[in-house]
C-alpha atoms as a PDB file:
ATOM      1  CA  MET A   1      91.302 113.898  94.637  1.00  0.00           C
ATOM      2  CA  VAL A   2      94.118 112.433  93.639  1.00  0.00           C
ATOM      3  CA  ASN A   3      95.955 114.978  96.196  1.00  0.00           C
ATOM      4  CA  ASP A   4      93.541 113.306  98.908  1.00  0.00           C
ATOM      5  CA  ARG A   5      94.316 109.505  98.061  1.00  0.00           C
ATOM      6  CA  LYS A   6      98.300 110.367  97.948  1.00  0.00           C
ATOM      7  CA  ARG A   7      97.820 112.477 100.804  1.00  0.00           C
ATOM      8  CA  ARG A   8      96.164 109.055 102.524  1.00  0.00           C
ATOM      9  CA  VAL A   9      98.822 106.617 101.855  1.00  0.00           C
ATOM     10  CA  LEU A  10     101.657 108.868 102.744  1.00  0.00           C
ATOM     11  CA  SER A  11      99.471 108.946 106.248  1.00  0.00           C
ATOM     12  CA  ILE A  12      99.228 105.333 106.632  1.00  0.00           C
ATOM     13  CA  ILE A  13     102.802 104.990 105.812  1.00  0.00           C
ATOM     14  CA  GLY A  14     103.896 108.053 108.476  1.00  0.00           C
ATOM     15  CA  SER A  15     100.934 106.366 110.649  1.00  0.00           C
ATOM     16  CA  VAL A  16     102.654 103.307 110.876  1.00  0.00           C
ATOM     17  CA  ILE A  17     106.062 104.667 111.297  1.00  0.00           C
ATOM     18  CA  PHE A  18     105.054 106.469 114.474  1.00  0.00           C
ATOM     19  CA  LEU A  19     103.732 104.396 115.878  1.00  0.00           C
ATOM     20  CA  LEU A  20     106.392 101.778 115.713  1.00  0.00           C
ATOM     21  CA  ILE A  21     108.288 104.682 117.301  1.00  0.00           C
ATOM     22  CA  ALA A  22     106.617 106.415 119.793  1.00  0.00           C
ATOM     23  CA  PRO A  23     103.689 103.967 121.419  1.00  0.00           C
ATOM     24  CA  LEU A  24     105.793 101.321 121.469  1.00  0.00           C
ATOM     25  CA  THR A  25     108.779 102.868 122.873  1.00  0.00           C
ATOM     26  CA  VAL A  26     106.457 104.289 125.636  1.00  0.00           C
ATOM     27  CA  ALA A  27     103.913 100.991 125.988  1.00  0.00           C
ATOM     28  CA  GLY A  28     106.311  98.515 125.103  1.00  0.00           C
ATOM     29  CA  LEU A  29     110.404  99.207 125.331  1.00  0.00           C
ATOM     30  CA  VAL A  30     110.117 101.211 128.379  1.00  0.00           C
ATOM     31  CA  PRO A  31     107.860  99.343 130.556  1.00  0.00           C
ATOM     32  CA  TYR A  32     110.215  96.139 129.708  1.00  0.00           C
ATOM     33  CA  TRP A  33     112.905  97.721 130.726  1.00  0.00           C
ATOM     34  CA  ILE A  34     111.398  98.483 133.885  1.00  0.00           C
ATOM     35  CA  THR A  35     110.023  95.310 134.497  1.00  0.00           C
ATOM     36  CA  ARG A  36     112.326  92.944 132.412  1.00  0.00           C
ATOM     37  CA  TRP A  37     108.510  91.320 131.854  1.00  0.00           C
ATOM     38  CA  GLN A  38     109.137  89.656 135.264  1.00  0.00           C
ATOM     39  CA  MET A  39     106.391  89.379 137.914  1.00  0.00           C
ATOM     40  CA  GLN A  40     107.808  91.651 140.469  1.00  0.00           C
ATOM     41  CA  LEU A  41     104.902  91.225 143.078  1.00  0.00           C
ATOM     42  CA  SER A  42     105.429  94.808 144.572  1.00  0.00           C
ATOM     43  CA  LEU A  43     101.910  95.560 144.406  1.00  0.00           C
ATOM     44  CA  GLY A  44     100.932  91.806 145.640  1.00  0.00           C
ATOM     45  CA  ASP A  45      99.693  88.621 144.551  1.00  0.00           C
ATOM     46  CA  LEU A  46      96.646  89.142 143.509  1.00  0.00           C
ATOM     47  CA  PRO A  47      95.634  86.865 140.583  1.00  0.00           C
ATOM     48  CA  LEU A  48      92.113  89.121 139.823  1.00  0.00           C
ATOM     49  CA  LEU A  49      94.935  91.982 139.408  1.00  0.00           C
ATOM     50  CA  SER A  50      97.007  90.338 136.690  1.00  0.00           C
ATOM     51  CA  ILE A  51      93.769  89.062 134.919  1.00  0.00           C
ATOM     52  CA  LEU A  52      92.446  92.915 135.211  1.00  0.00           C
ATOM     53  CA  GLY A  53      96.117  93.843 133.637  1.00  0.00           C
ATOM     54  CA  VAL A  54      95.303  91.344 130.693  1.00  0.00           C
ATOM     55  CA  LEU A  55      92.218  92.632 129.754  1.00  0.00           C
ATOM     56  CA  LEU A  56      93.299  96.462 130.144  1.00  0.00           C
ATOM     57  CA  ILE A  57      96.129  95.417 127.570  1.00  0.00           C
ATOM     58  CA  LEU A  58      93.656  94.073 125.299  1.00  0.00           C
ATOM     59  CA  ALA A  59      91.504  97.325 125.522  1.00  0.00           C
ATOM     60  CA  GLY A  60      93.846  99.561 124.577  1.00  0.00           C
ATOM     61  CA  VAL A  61      95.930  98.007 122.056  1.00  0.00           C
ATOM     62  CA  PRO A  62      92.418  98.040 119.532  1.00  0.00           C
ATOM     63  CA  VAL A  63      91.803 101.655 120.488  1.00  0.00           C
ATOM     64  CA  LEU A  64      95.273 102.743 119.902  1.00  0.00           C
ATOM     65  CA  LEU A  65      94.973 101.200 116.278  1.00  0.00           C
ATOM     66  CA  ASP A  66      92.075 102.122 115.341  1.00  0.00           C
ATOM     67  CA  SER A  67      93.059 105.812 116.550  1.00  0.00           C
ATOM     68  CA  PHE A  68      95.762 105.603 114.793  1.00  0.00           C
ATOM     69  CA  ALA A  69      94.205 104.758 111.884  1.00  0.00           C
ATOM     70  CA  ARG A  70      91.175 107.259 111.797  1.00  0.00           C
ATOM     71  CA  PHE A  71      93.712 109.887 111.803  1.00  0.00           C
ATOM     72  CA  ALA A  72      95.418 108.507 108.707  1.00  0.00           C
ATOM     73  CA  ILE A  73      92.270 107.566 106.806  1.00  0.00           C
ATOM     74  CA  GLN A  74      89.476 110.348 107.999  1.00  0.00           C
ATOM     75  CA  GLY A  75      92.078 113.052 109.162  1.00  0.00           C
ATOM     76  CA  LEU A  76      94.710 112.651 106.484  1.00  0.00           C
ATOM     77  CA  GLY A  77      97.886 112.905 108.941  1.00  0.00           C
ATOM     78  CA  THR A  78      99.876 111.865 111.380  1.00  0.00           C
ATOM     79  CA  PRO A  79      99.807 111.930 115.510  1.00  0.00           C
ATOM     80  CA  ALA A  80     103.391 113.143 114.792  1.00  0.00           C
ATOM     81  CA  PRO A  81     103.804 117.011 115.031  1.00  0.00           C
ATOM     82  CA  VAL A  82     105.821 117.165 111.472  1.00  0.00           C
ATOM     83  CA  PHE A  83     102.659 115.671 109.256  1.00  0.00           C
ATOM     84  CA  PRO A  84      99.454 116.536 111.379  1.00  0.00           C
ATOM     85  CA  THR A  85      96.162 115.735 110.320  1.00  0.00           C
ATOM     86  CA  ARG A  86      94.363 117.863 107.937  1.00  0.00           C
ATOM     87  CA  HIS A  87      91.086 117.121 108.899  1.00  0.00           C
ATOM     88  CA  LEU A  88      89.686 117.183 112.811  1.00  0.00           C
ATOM     89  CA  VAL A  89      89.011 113.633 113.704  1.00  0.00           C
ATOM     90  CA  VAL A  90      85.620 113.667 115.557  1.00  0.00           C
ATOM     91  CA  GLN A  91      84.267 109.839 115.005  1.00  0.00           C
ATOM     92  CA  GLY A  92      84.726 106.943 116.783  1.00  0.00           C
ATOM     93  CA  LEU A  93      85.951 107.237 119.409  1.00  0.00           C
ATOM     94  CA  TYR A  94      86.626 110.329 119.620  1.00  0.00           C
ATOM     95  CA  ARG A  95      83.278 110.789 120.307  1.00  0.00           C
ATOM     96  CA  TYR A  96      83.397 109.569 123.774  1.00  0.00           C
ATOM     97  CA  VAL A  97      87.024 110.790 125.070  1.00  0.00           C
ATOM     98  CA  ARG A  98      89.431 113.419 122.661  1.00  0.00           C
ATOM     99  CA  ASN A  99      92.419 111.724 123.358  1.00  0.00           C
ATOM    100  CA  PRO A 100      92.210 108.115 122.627  1.00  0.00           C
ATOM    101  CA  MET A 101      95.532 107.079 121.967  1.00  0.00           C
ATOM    102  CA  TYR A 102      96.540 108.410 125.198  1.00  0.00           C
ATOM    103  CA  VAL A 103      94.001 106.868 127.540  1.00  0.00           C
ATOM    104  CA  ALA A 104      94.901 103.553 125.513  1.00  0.00           C
ATOM    105  CA  ILE A 105      98.387 103.601 125.939  1.00  0.00           C
ATOM    106  CA  LEU A 106      98.108 104.534 129.130  1.00  0.00           C
ATOM    107  CA  ALA A 107      95.396 101.383 129.744  1.00  0.00           C
ATOM    108  CA  ILE A 108      98.546  99.153 127.891  1.00  0.00           C
ATOM    109  CA  VAL A 109     100.754 100.400 130.639  1.00  0.00           C
ATOM    110  CA  LEU A 110      99.016 100.428 133.675  1.00  0.00           C
ATOM    111  CA  GLY A 111      97.785  96.706 132.372  1.00  0.00           C
ATOM    112  CA  GLN A 112     101.338  95.555 133.079  1.00  0.00           C
ATOM    113  CA  THR A 113     101.696  97.295 135.922  1.00  0.00           C
ATOM    114  CA  LEU A 114      98.315  95.328 137.366  1.00  0.00           C
ATOM    115  CA  PHE A 115     100.109  92.084 135.345  1.00  0.00           C
ATOM    116  CA  PHE A 116     103.288  92.390 136.687  1.00  0.00           C
ATOM    117  CA  GLY A 117     102.829  93.943 140.163  1.00  0.00           C
ATOM    118  CA  SER A 118     105.230  96.479 139.134  1.00  0.00           C
ATOM    119  CA  LEU A 119     105.625  99.664 141.634  1.00  0.00           C
ATOM    120  CA  ARG A 120     108.089 101.029 139.591  1.00  0.00           C
ATOM    121  CA  LEU A 121     105.966 100.709 136.521  1.00  0.00           C
ATOM    122  CA  LEU A 122     102.668 102.316 138.087  1.00  0.00           C
ATOM    123  CA  GLU A 123     105.230 105.396 138.933  1.00  0.00           C
ATOM    124  CA  TYR A 124     106.433 105.335 135.223  1.00  0.00           C
ATOM    125  CA  GLY A 125     102.767 105.568 134.512  1.00  0.00           C
ATOM    126  CA  ALA A 126     102.212 108.689 136.557  1.00  0.00           C
ATOM    127  CA  ILE A 127     104.775 110.188 135.199  1.00  0.00           C
ATOM    128  CA  LEU A 128     103.976 109.259 131.469  1.00  0.00           C
ATOM    129  CA  TRP A 129     100.089 110.888 132.388  1.00  0.00           C
ATOM    130  CA  LEU A 130     101.300 113.642 133.579  1.00  0.00           C
ATOM    131  CA  GLY A 131     103.756 114.096 130.544  1.00  0.00           C
ATOM    132  CA  PHE A 132     100.565 113.682 128.073  1.00  0.00           C
ATOM    133  CA  HIS A 133      98.597 115.994 129.880  1.00  0.00           C
ATOM    134  CA  VAL A 134     101.114 119.569 130.264  1.00  0.00           C
ATOM    135  CA  PHE A 135     101.786 118.498 126.338  1.00  0.00           C
ATOM    136  CA  ILE A 136      98.299 118.387 125.776  1.00  0.00           C
ATOM    137  CA  LEU A 137      97.748 121.704 127.626  1.00  0.00           C
ATOM    138  CA  VAL A 138     100.758 123.862 126.587  1.00  0.00           C
ATOM    139  CA  TYR A 139     101.234 122.489 123.156  1.00  0.00           C
ATOM    140  CA  GLU A 140      98.241 119.927 121.733  1.00  0.00           C
ATOM    141  CA  GLU A 141      95.039 121.955 122.469  1.00  0.00           C
ATOM    142  CA  PRO A 142      96.480 125.311 121.171  1.00  0.00           C
ATOM    143  CA  THR A 143      97.747 123.679 118.399  1.00  0.00           C
ATOM    144  CA  MET A 144      94.177 122.414 117.777  1.00  0.00           C
ATOM    145  CA  ARG A 145      92.005 126.040 118.617  1.00  0.00           C
ATOM    146  CA  ALA A 146      94.702 127.819 116.115  1.00  0.00           C
ATOM    147  CA  THR A 147      94.229 125.053 113.354  1.00  0.00           C
ATOM    148  CA  PHE A 148      90.656 124.117 113.630  1.00  0.00           C
ATOM    149  CA  GLY A 149      89.263 126.812 115.688  1.00  0.00           C
ATOM    150  CA  ASP A 150      85.425 126.745 116.564  1.00  0.00           C
ATOM    151  CA  GLN A 151      85.012 123.306 115.034  1.00  0.00           C
ATOM    152  CA  TYR A 152      87.741 122.264 118.098  1.00  0.00           C
ATOM    153  CA  GLU A 153      85.693 124.066 120.977  1.00  0.00           C
ATOM    154  CA  THR A 154      82.555 122.662 119.803  1.00  0.00           C
ATOM    155  CA  PHE A 155      84.554 119.279 120.551  1.00  0.00           C
ATOM    156  CA  CYS A 156      85.979 120.262 123.206  1.00  0.00           C
ATOM    157  CA  ALA A 157      82.547 121.274 124.738  1.00  0.00           C
ATOM    158  CA  HIS A 158      81.617 117.872 124.323  1.00  0.00           C
ATOM    159  CA  VAL A 159      84.077 115.197 124.842  1.00  0.00           C
ATOM    160  CA  PRO A 160      86.223 115.103 127.630  1.00  0.00           C
ATOM    161  CA  ARG A 161      89.714 115.137 128.024  1.00  0.00           C
ATOM    162  CA  TRP A 162      90.269 111.987 129.681  1.00  0.00           C
ATOM    163  CA  ILE A 163      87.494 110.088 131.322  1.00  0.00           C
ATOM    164  CA  PRO A 164      84.947 108.640 127.936  1.00  0.00           C
ATOM    165  CA  ARG A 165      81.648 109.690 127.809  1.00  0.00           C
ATOM    166  CA  VAL A 166      78.710 106.940 128.289  1.00  0.00           C
ATOM    167  CA  ARG A 167      77.115 107.587 125.581  1.00  0.00           C
ATOM    168  CA  PRO A 168      79.022 109.184 121.900  1.00  0.00           C
ATOM    169  CA  TRP A 169      79.038 112.880 121.088  1.00  0.00           C
ATOM    170  CA  HIS A 170      76.560 113.351 117.965  1.00  0.00           C
ATOM    171  CA  HIS A 171      78.348 116.335 116.170  1.00  0.00           C
ATOM    172  CA  SER A 172      76.912 117.886 112.939  1.00  0.00           C
ATOM    173  CA  ALA A 173      79.291 117.404 109.466  1.00  0.00           C
END
């Protein structure tokens, strides 16, 4: 119990640090470098797109924060490969989609794309998705299969990688 408590504290600290480094860079700093957070209007001047962009950003941020919290508190680890989770996280938004962190980051980037009307940011988002997808296929999923075995296989069989389920998956613990 004491070890789990200590690990949970380290997981929370590590997750916060990783959150400030990785997602803040790819969903905040890089989009800023691309757009300088100024309207580009290369995608057109449609107010509805800007509103949709804001909604995507507002939807993505809590999903990202919830996913990080679940890794630390339930998984007893971080999203960073150097301090992985001890337990497979299959609760919360993970009942709908296997990669809510990546989906959230992409939603935030797409939201900024629509808000600022930036074609360059759209191109960056496509490259980002491709990078995430390759990382998942080449490293993350094989590592998860090796670490969690049948539990992860069952999770994969019921929860899609990218497009969320309409209804949550109810797993047996």
